[in-house]
Amino acid sequence: MSNYFSILLILSLHFVSCAEKQFNPDDPQGSFAMAREPYDDENYEIAVKKLGEYKSRFPYSRFATEAELLIAHSYFEMGKYAEASVAYEHFVKLHPKHPELELALFRIGMSYWKDAPEEIDREQEFTKLALEKWERLLKEHPQTSYAAEARGFMTEGRRRIAESERFAARFYCKQGIWHSCAYRYLKILEHYPENLELKEEAQKKASHALRKLANEWDENTKDKNLFFKDMTKDQILQKANSLTP
């Protein structure tokens, strides 16, 4: 039993010694190797702390930039996507010519994507943000190796957003709130026309909603909704007719 406790004591002293390793102010490269050890060992929580400390101690070292990127990666690997997106955004802003810029841009979008809900009955703001980031990546770096993957996610994201809009449109139609029903379906037609089945439904339902809306129009309700403010009754009916064959 005494040998057992002796071994535990030796191990404890060893770990304390490792934890108390100090950066050598005259050796930025060696200190960085020490700082990234937790990252290489997939101890990401500790990695964020040690790499952050390295950045503070060696702000002008050429390894400080890599430390910033590894901090962002650490947050991403831990599933802390809000922190990851902020860290990647910071990296991109400070290092627009870095060789890993495209990865950072892709990961910004992926961070938002990971936090975006799959359920179409929930707000899709994070999905929209992800698509915006990937659109930037493809616009600024059309030959990026992440292009195919980004486009795949963007196709799925557009489908998800369009179906979310349809979910909301159906709710408003069911409630007889015709201006909101028409607005949502017209939004689908304007921004997400690639889904032919959804497009057909949007045309039919928007036309129906606009006709219902026209029946509610009168001079005293012109400020009731945007359609009444911007269109006459005849114009609303013309719009409704243009949506049906």
Protein backbone atom coordinates (compact mmCIF):
# COMPACT_ATOMS: atom_id res chain seq x y z
CA MET A 1 0.00 0.00 0.00
CA SER A 2 2.84 2.39 0.82
CA ASN A 3 4.33 1.75 -2.64
CA TYR A 4 0.94 2.60 -4.19
CA PHE A 5 0.80 5.97 -2.44
CA SER A 6 4.42 6.63 -3.33
CA ILE A 7 3.62 6.13 -7.01
CA LEU A 8 0.62 8.45 -6.74
CA LEU A 9 2.77 11.10 -5.09
CA ILE A 10 5.43 10.84 -7.81
CA LEU A 11 2.77 11.10 -10.56
CA SER A 12 1.14 14.08 -8.84
CA LEU A 13 4.45 15.88 -8.58
CA HIS A 14 5.09 15.11 -12.24
CA PHE A 15 1.77 16.58 -13.37
CA VAL A 16 2.22 19.65 -11.20
CA SER A 17 5.67 20.12 -12.67
CA CYS A 18 4.24 19.85 -16.21
CA ALA A 19 1.42 22.26 -15.42
CA GLU A 20 3.85 24.78 -14.02
CA LYS A 21 6.07 24.82 -17.09
CA GLN A 22 6.91 28.40 -17.87
CA PHE A 23 7.39 29.96 -21.27
CA ASN A 24 10.97 30.92 -22.03
CA PRO A 25 10.88 34.60 -23.02
CA ASP A 26 13.97 34.03 -25.17
CA ASP A 27 12.53 31.06 -27.05
CA PRO A 28 9.27 31.90 -28.88
CA GLN A 29 9.40 28.75 -31.01
CA GLY A 30 9.98 26.40 -28.10
CA SER A 31 7.36 28.18 -26.04
CA PHE A 32 4.84 27.83 -28.88
CA ALA A 33 5.54 24.10 -29.10
CA MET A 34 4.74 23.92 -25.38
CA ALA A 35 1.59 25.99 -25.80
CA ARG A 36 0.20 23.83 -28.59
CA GLU A 37 0.80 20.52 -26.80
CA PRO A 38 -2.74 20.48 -25.34
CA TYR A 39 -4.18 21.14 -28.80
CA ASP A 40 -2.24 18.23 -30.28
CA ASP A 41 -3.50 16.08 -27.40
CA GLU A 42 -7.09 17.24 -28.07
CA ASN A 43 -7.31 18.96 -24.69
CA TYR A 44 -8.99 21.94 -26.29
CA GLU A 45 -10.11 23.74 -23.14
CA ILE A 46 -6.53 23.85 -21.89
CA ALA A 47 -5.31 24.67 -25.40
CA VAL A 48 -7.41 27.84 -25.50
CA LYS A 49 -5.89 28.95 -22.21
CA LYS A 50 -2.27 28.12 -23.08
CA LEU A 51 -2.42 29.49 -26.61
CA GLY A 52 -4.07 32.65 -25.33
CA GLU A 53 -1.30 33.03 -22.80
CA TYR A 54 1.27 32.53 -25.55
CA LYS A 55 -0.32 35.31 -27.62
CA SER A 56 -0.09 37.65 -24.64
CA ARG A 57 3.54 36.78 -23.96
CA PHE A 58 4.70 36.80 -27.59
CA PRO A 59 2.36 39.16 -29.51
CA TYR A 60 4.92 39.85 -32.25
CA SER A 61 6.11 36.30 -32.75
CA ARG A 62 5.41 34.69 -36.12
CA PHE A 63 3.77 31.88 -34.15
CA ALA A 64 1.20 34.21 -32.59
CA THR A 65 -0.85 34.09 -35.78
CA GLU A 66 -0.93 30.30 -35.71
CA ALA A 67 -1.92 30.45 -32.05
CA GLU A 68 -4.94 32.59 -33.01
CA LEU A 69 -6.02 30.05 -35.60
CA LEU A 70 -5.57 27.12 -33.21
CA ILE A 71 -7.71 28.91 -30.61
CA ALA A 72 -10.50 29.20 -33.20
CA HIS A 73 -10.06 25.52 -34.11
CA SER A 74 -10.19 24.59 -30.42
CA TYR A 75 -13.51 26.36 -29.91
CA PHE A 76 -14.87 24.67 -33.02
CA GLU A 77 -13.75 21.21 -31.90
CA MET A 78 -15.37 21.77 -28.48
CA GLY A 79 -18.67 22.66 -30.14
CA LYS A 80 -18.50 26.24 -28.89
CA TYR A 81 -19.57 27.59 -32.26
CA ALA A 82 -20.44 31.13 -31.19
CA GLU A 83 -16.93 31.57 -29.79
CA ALA A 84 -15.46 29.85 -32.84
CA SER A 85 -17.21 32.19 -35.30
CA VAL A 86 -15.94 35.24 -33.40
CA ALA A 87 -12.38 33.86 -33.27
CA TYR A 88 -12.38 32.99 -36.99
CA GLU A 89 -13.83 36.41 -37.90
CA HIS A 90 -11.08 38.06 -35.86
CA PHE A 91 -8.46 35.94 -37.61
CA VAL A 92 -9.79 36.77 -41.08
CA LYS A 93 -9.88 40.49 -40.30
CA LEU A 94 -6.29 40.54 -39.05
CA HIS A 95 -4.77 38.15 -41.59
CA PRO A 96 -6.50 38.59 -44.97
CA LYS A 97 -3.54 37.10 -46.87
CA HIS A 98 -2.95 34.08 -44.65
CA PRO A 99 -2.65 30.67 -46.42
CA GLU A 100 -5.41 29.28 -44.19
CA LEU A 101 -7.81 32.16 -44.93
CA GLU A 102 -10.16 30.00 -47.01
CA LEU A 103 -10.42 27.43 -44.23
CA ALA A 104 -11.20 30.18 -41.74
CA LEU A 105 -13.92 31.62 -44.01
CA PHE A 106 -15.43 28.18 -44.52
CA ARG A 107 -15.38 27.51 -40.78
CA ILE A 108 -17.16 30.79 -40.04
CA GLY A 109 -20.04 29.57 -42.15
CA MET A 110 -19.86 26.13 -40.62
CA SER A 111 -19.95 27.60 -37.11
CA TYR A 112 -23.23 29.34 -37.88
CA TRP A 113 -24.51 26.21 -39.62
CA LYS A 114 -23.82 24.05 -36.59
CA ASP A 115 -25.92 26.39 -34.43
CA ALA A 116 -28.74 26.63 -36.97
CA PRO A 117 -31.89 24.60 -36.26
CA GLU A 118 -32.92 21.91 -38.71
CA GLU A 119 -36.59 22.31 -37.78
CA ILE A 120 -38.42 24.45 -40.33
CA ASP A 121 -40.77 25.85 -37.67
CA ARG A 122 -37.89 27.77 -36.09
CA GLU A 123 -36.17 30.98 -37.14
CA GLN A 124 -33.40 30.40 -39.69
CA GLU A 125 -31.19 33.42 -38.99
CA PHE A 126 -28.11 31.30 -38.39
CA THR A 127 -28.75 29.39 -41.61
CA LYS A 128 -28.92 32.69 -43.48
CA LEU A 129 -25.68 33.87 -41.85
CA ALA A 130 -23.95 30.64 -42.85
CA LEU A 131 -25.04 31.08 -46.45
CA GLU A 132 -23.81 34.68 -46.46
CA LYS A 133 -20.36 33.59 -45.28
CA TRP A 134 -20.11 30.83 -47.88
CA GLU A 135 -21.28 33.19 -50.61
CA ARG A 136 -18.43 35.49 -49.65
CA LEU A 137 -15.98 32.58 -49.76
CA LEU A 138 -17.11 31.54 -53.25
CA LYS A 139 -17.14 35.11 -54.53
CA GLU A 140 -13.68 36.00 -53.28
CA HIS A 141 -12.11 32.57 -53.78
CA PRO A 142 -14.02 30.79 -56.57
CA GLN A 143 -11.33 28.13 -56.93
CA THR A 144 -11.29 27.21 -53.25
CA SER A 145 -11.04 23.55 -52.36
CA TYR A 146 -14.06 24.07 -50.11
CA ALA A 147 -16.31 25.11 -53.00
CA ALA A 148 -18.11 21.79 -53.50
CA GLU A 149 -18.75 21.31 -49.79
CA ALA A 150 -19.93 24.90 -49.36
CA ARG A 151 -22.30 24.65 -52.33
CA GLY A 152 -23.76 21.44 -50.94
CA PHE A 153 -24.55 23.10 -47.62
CA MET A 154 -25.89 26.17 -49.41
CA THR A 155 -28.34 24.07 -51.43
CA GLU A 156 -29.58 22.42 -48.26
CA GLY A 157 -29.71 25.78 -46.49
CA ARG A 158 -31.78 27.40 -49.22
CA ARG A 159 -34.21 24.48 -49.13
CA ARG A 160 -34.49 24.77 -45.35
CA ILE A 161 -35.13 28.52 -45.46
CA ALA A 162 -37.70 28.18 -48.24
CA GLU A 163 -39.58 25.48 -46.33
CA SER A 164 -39.46 27.64 -43.21
CA GLU A 165 -41.04 30.47 -45.20
CA ARG A 166 -43.70 28.06 -46.47
CA PHE A 167 -44.43 26.92 -42.91
CA ALA A 168 -45.03 30.54 -41.88
CA ALA A 169 -47.05 31.27 -45.03
CA ARG A 170 -49.36 28.32 -44.42
CA PHE A 171 -49.93 29.48 -40.85
CA TYR A 172 -50.94 32.98 -41.97
CA CYS A 173 -53.16 31.59 -44.72
CA LYS A 174 -54.92 29.34 -42.25
CA GLN A 175 -55.49 32.32 -39.95
CA GLY A 176 -56.82 34.39 -42.84
CA ILE A 177 -54.06 36.97 -42.47
CA TRP A 178 -53.87 37.45 -46.21
CA HIS A 179 -51.22 40.18 -46.47
CA SER A 180 -48.72 38.08 -44.48
CA CYS A 181 -49.70 34.94 -46.38
CA ALA A 182 -49.16 36.66 -49.73
CA TYR A 183 -45.93 38.31 -48.59
CA ARG A 184 -44.36 35.02 -47.49
CA TYR A 185 -45.28 33.16 -50.67
CA LEU A 186 -44.11 36.03 -52.88
CA LYS A 187 -40.82 35.99 -50.97
CA ILE A 188 -40.41 32.30 -51.85
CA LEU A 189 -41.04 33.06 -55.53
CA GLU A 190 -38.51 35.89 -55.52
CA HIS A 191 -35.69 34.27 -53.59
CA TYR A 192 -36.13 30.48 -53.86
CA PRO A 193 -37.60 29.66 -57.30
CA GLU A 194 -35.45 26.56 -57.87
CA ASN A 195 -37.82 24.17 -56.07
CA LEU A 196 -40.50 23.63 -58.72
CA GLU A 197 -43.00 21.96 -56.39
CA LEU A 198 -42.67 24.77 -53.87
CA LYS A 199 -42.82 27.34 -56.65
CA GLU A 200 -46.13 25.94 -57.92
CA GLU A 201 -47.65 26.06 -54.44
CA ALA A 202 -46.34 29.59 -53.86
CA GLN A 203 -47.84 30.86 -57.11
CA LYS A 204 -51.23 29.33 -56.39
CA LYS A 205 -51.43 30.38 -52.75
CA ALA A 206 -50.04 33.88 -53.29
CA SER A 207 -52.60 34.46 -56.04
CA HIS A 208 -55.40 33.26 -53.78
CA ALA A 209 -54.21 35.43 -50.88
CA LEU A 210 -53.95 38.52 -53.08
CA ARG A 211 -57.51 38.05 -54.33
CA LYS A 212 -58.72 37.72 -50.76
CA LEU A 213 -56.73 40.81 -49.89
CA ALA A 214 -58.23 42.79 -52.77
CA ASN A 215 -61.70 42.02 -51.45
CA GLU A 216 -60.73 43.68 -48.15
CA TRP A 217 -59.42 46.85 -49.82
CA ASP A 218 -61.16 50.14 -49.30
CA GLU A 219 -60.14 53.77 -49.03
CA ASN A 220 -60.26 53.73 -45.23
CA THR A 221 -57.88 50.77 -44.83
CA LYS A 222 -55.03 51.86 -47.11
CA ASP A 223 -52.62 52.06 -44.16
CA LYS A 224 -53.51 48.61 -42.90
CA ASN A 225 -50.66 46.81 -44.66
CA LEU A 226 -47.89 47.35 -47.21
CA PHE A 227 -49.94 46.07 -50.14
CA PHE A 228 -52.62 48.67 -49.52
CA LYS A 229 -50.02 51.40 -49.12
CA ASP A 230 -48.22 50.59 -52.38
CA MET A 231 -50.95 49.17 -54.63
CA THR A 232 -54.50 49.89 -55.66
CA LYS A 233 -57.16 47.19 -55.63
CA ASP A 234 -56.82 46.76 -59.40
CA GLN A 235 -53.04 46.42 -59.12
CA ILE A 236 -53.41 43.76 -56.44
CA LEU A 237 -55.78 41.81 -58.69
CA GLN A 238 -53.41 42.22 -61.65
CA LYS A 239 -50.60 40.81 -59.52
CA ALA A 240 -52.81 37.89 -58.51
CA ASN A 241 -53.70 37.15 -62.15
CA SER A 242 -50.05 37.28 -63.22
CA LEU A 243 -49.23 34.39 -60.88
CA THR A 244 -51.67 31.92 -62.45
CA PRO A 245 -51.50 30.47 -65.98
